[in-house]
Amino acid sequence: MTRTAVLVDFGGVLTTSVLQAFEDFGASVGAVPGLLLELLSSDAACRKLLVEHESGGIDADAFDRGFAEQLDVYVRDGDLRAEHAFSVFGRPFLVLHYRMHRKPAS
């Protein structure tokens, strides 16, 4: 295949910012603001996953599985899922169930 052009998108000019997408996802699951971006910038395993995905070394599914392992979430039925349990005075109080799925291709 001969390439005739290269498209480079810095900072979400033509597409949505990947950093904002991580921040929005973190907010949607109740993560501490900036947690996902902190992991991507300071955790070697998370940073490697992002670089490999952004450079085409791994596909989105491999990135999801790898990042999920770092976040202590799991994949079921193609969705990322997590549960967070809360206790009050040592007794179970609330369990939150999170699910993230990809938007259908348009």
Protein backbone atom coordinates (compact mmCIF):
# COMPACT_ATOMS: atom_id res chain seq x y z
CA MET A 1 0.00 0.00 0.00
CA THR A 2 1.42 3.36 -0.99
CA ARG A 3 0.62 6.23 1.30
CA THR A 4 -0.01 9.55 -0.38
CA ALA A 5 -0.61 11.68 2.72
CA VAL A 6 -0.09 11.74 6.46
CA LEU A 7 -2.63 13.34 8.79
CA VAL A 8 -1.38 14.53 12.17
CA ASP A 9 -3.86 15.80 14.76
CA PHE A 10 -2.23 17.54 17.71
CA GLY A 11 -4.37 18.28 20.73
CA GLY A 12 -7.73 17.32 19.33
CA VAL A 13 -7.90 19.90 16.53
CA LEU A 14 -9.72 17.57 14.15
CA THR A 15 -10.77 14.89 16.61
CA THR A 16 -11.68 14.79 20.26
CA SER A 17 -8.72 15.16 22.63
CA VAL A 18 -7.70 11.76 24.01
CA LEU A 19 -6.75 13.46 27.28
CA GLN A 20 -10.19 15.05 27.61
CA ALA A 21 -11.77 11.67 26.81
CA PHE A 22 -9.88 10.05 29.70
CA GLU A 23 -10.82 12.91 32.02
CA ASP A 24 -14.50 12.66 31.01
CA PHE A 25 -14.50 8.89 31.55
CA GLY A 26 -12.90 9.32 34.97
CA ALA A 27 -15.59 11.81 35.94
CA SER A 28 -18.32 9.48 34.71
CA VAL A 29 -17.17 6.68 37.03
CA GLY A 30 -16.50 8.92 40.01
CA ALA A 31 -12.71 8.82 39.85
CA VAL A 32 -10.72 11.53 41.59
CA PRO A 33 -10.29 14.34 39.04
CA GLY A 34 -7.07 13.86 37.13
CA LEU A 35 -6.53 10.25 38.28
CA LEU A 36 -6.55 8.68 34.83
CA LEU A 37 -4.30 11.38 33.39
CA GLU A 38 -1.96 10.99 36.36
CA LEU A 39 -1.74 7.25 35.69
CA LEU A 40 -1.03 7.87 32.01
CA SER A 41 1.73 10.34 32.81
CA SER A 42 3.37 8.73 35.85
CA ASP A 43 2.69 4.98 35.68
CA ALA A 44 5.14 3.28 33.32
CA ALA A 45 2.77 0.42 32.41
CA CYS A 46 -0.14 2.78 31.62
CA ARG A 47 2.10 5.13 29.65
CA LYS A 48 3.47 2.21 27.62
CA LEU A 49 -0.06 1.03 26.80
CA LEU A 50 -1.05 4.48 25.56
CA VAL A 51 2.08 4.87 23.43
CA GLU A 52 1.64 1.39 21.93
CA HIS A 53 -2.02 2.08 21.15
CA GLU A 54 -1.45 5.57 19.71
CA SER A 55 1.40 4.29 17.51
CA GLY A 56 -0.64 1.34 16.20
CA GLY A 57 1.32 -1.31 18.10
CA ILE A 58 -1.80 -2.63 19.85
CA ASP A 59 -5.50 -2.36 19.01
CA ALA A 60 -8.22 -0.79 21.14
CA ASP A 61 -9.19 -4.11 22.73
CA ALA A 62 -5.61 -4.77 23.87
CA PHE A 63 -5.40 -1.24 25.28
CA ASP A 64 -8.72 -1.69 27.12
CA ARG A 65 -7.62 -4.99 28.66
CA GLY A 66 -4.22 -3.63 29.69
CA PHE A 67 -5.57 -0.39 31.14
CA ALA A 68 -8.33 -2.30 32.92
CA GLU A 69 -5.72 -4.45 34.67
CA GLN A 70 -4.01 -1.30 35.91
CA LEU A 71 -7.32 0.16 37.16
CA ASP A 72 -8.54 -3.08 38.75
CA VAL A 73 -11.52 -3.34 36.41
CA TYR A 74 -12.45 -6.18 34.11
CA VAL A 75 -13.93 -6.83 30.68
CA ARG A 76 -17.26 -8.64 30.30
CA ASP A 77 -19.36 -8.82 27.15
CA GLY A 78 -17.01 -6.35 25.47
CA ASP A 79 -17.53 -3.63 28.11
CA LEU A 80 -15.16 -2.37 30.78
CA ARG A 81 -16.73 -2.90 34.21
CA ALA A 82 -15.89 -2.17 37.82
CA GLU A 83 -17.54 -2.40 41.19
CA HIS A 84 -16.77 -0.18 44.13
CA ALA A 85 -18.09 -1.23 47.52
CA PHE A 86 -18.61 1.19 50.40
CA SER A 87 -19.01 0.31 54.06
CA VAL A 88 -20.29 2.25 57.04
CA PHE A 89 -19.00 1.18 60.44
CA GLY A 90 -17.67 -2.01 58.89
CA ARG A 91 -20.99 -3.02 57.36
CA PRO A 92 -21.71 -3.10 53.61
CA PHE A 93 -23.60 0.02 52.62
CA LEU A 94 -23.49 0.57 48.87
CA VAL A 95 -22.04 -1.11 45.81
CA LEU A 96 -21.68 0.90 42.60
CA HIS A 97 -21.47 -0.95 39.30
CA TYR A 98 -19.80 0.83 36.37
CA ARG A 99 -19.86 -0.11 32.70
CA MET A 100 -18.13 1.58 29.77
CA HIS A 101 -18.80 0.63 26.18
CA ARG A 102 -17.78 2.03 22.80
CA LYS A 103 -20.17 4.14 20.82
CA PRO A 104 -21.42 2.38 17.70
CA ALA A 105 -19.48 3.30 14.57
CA SER A 106 -21.27 5.97 12.59
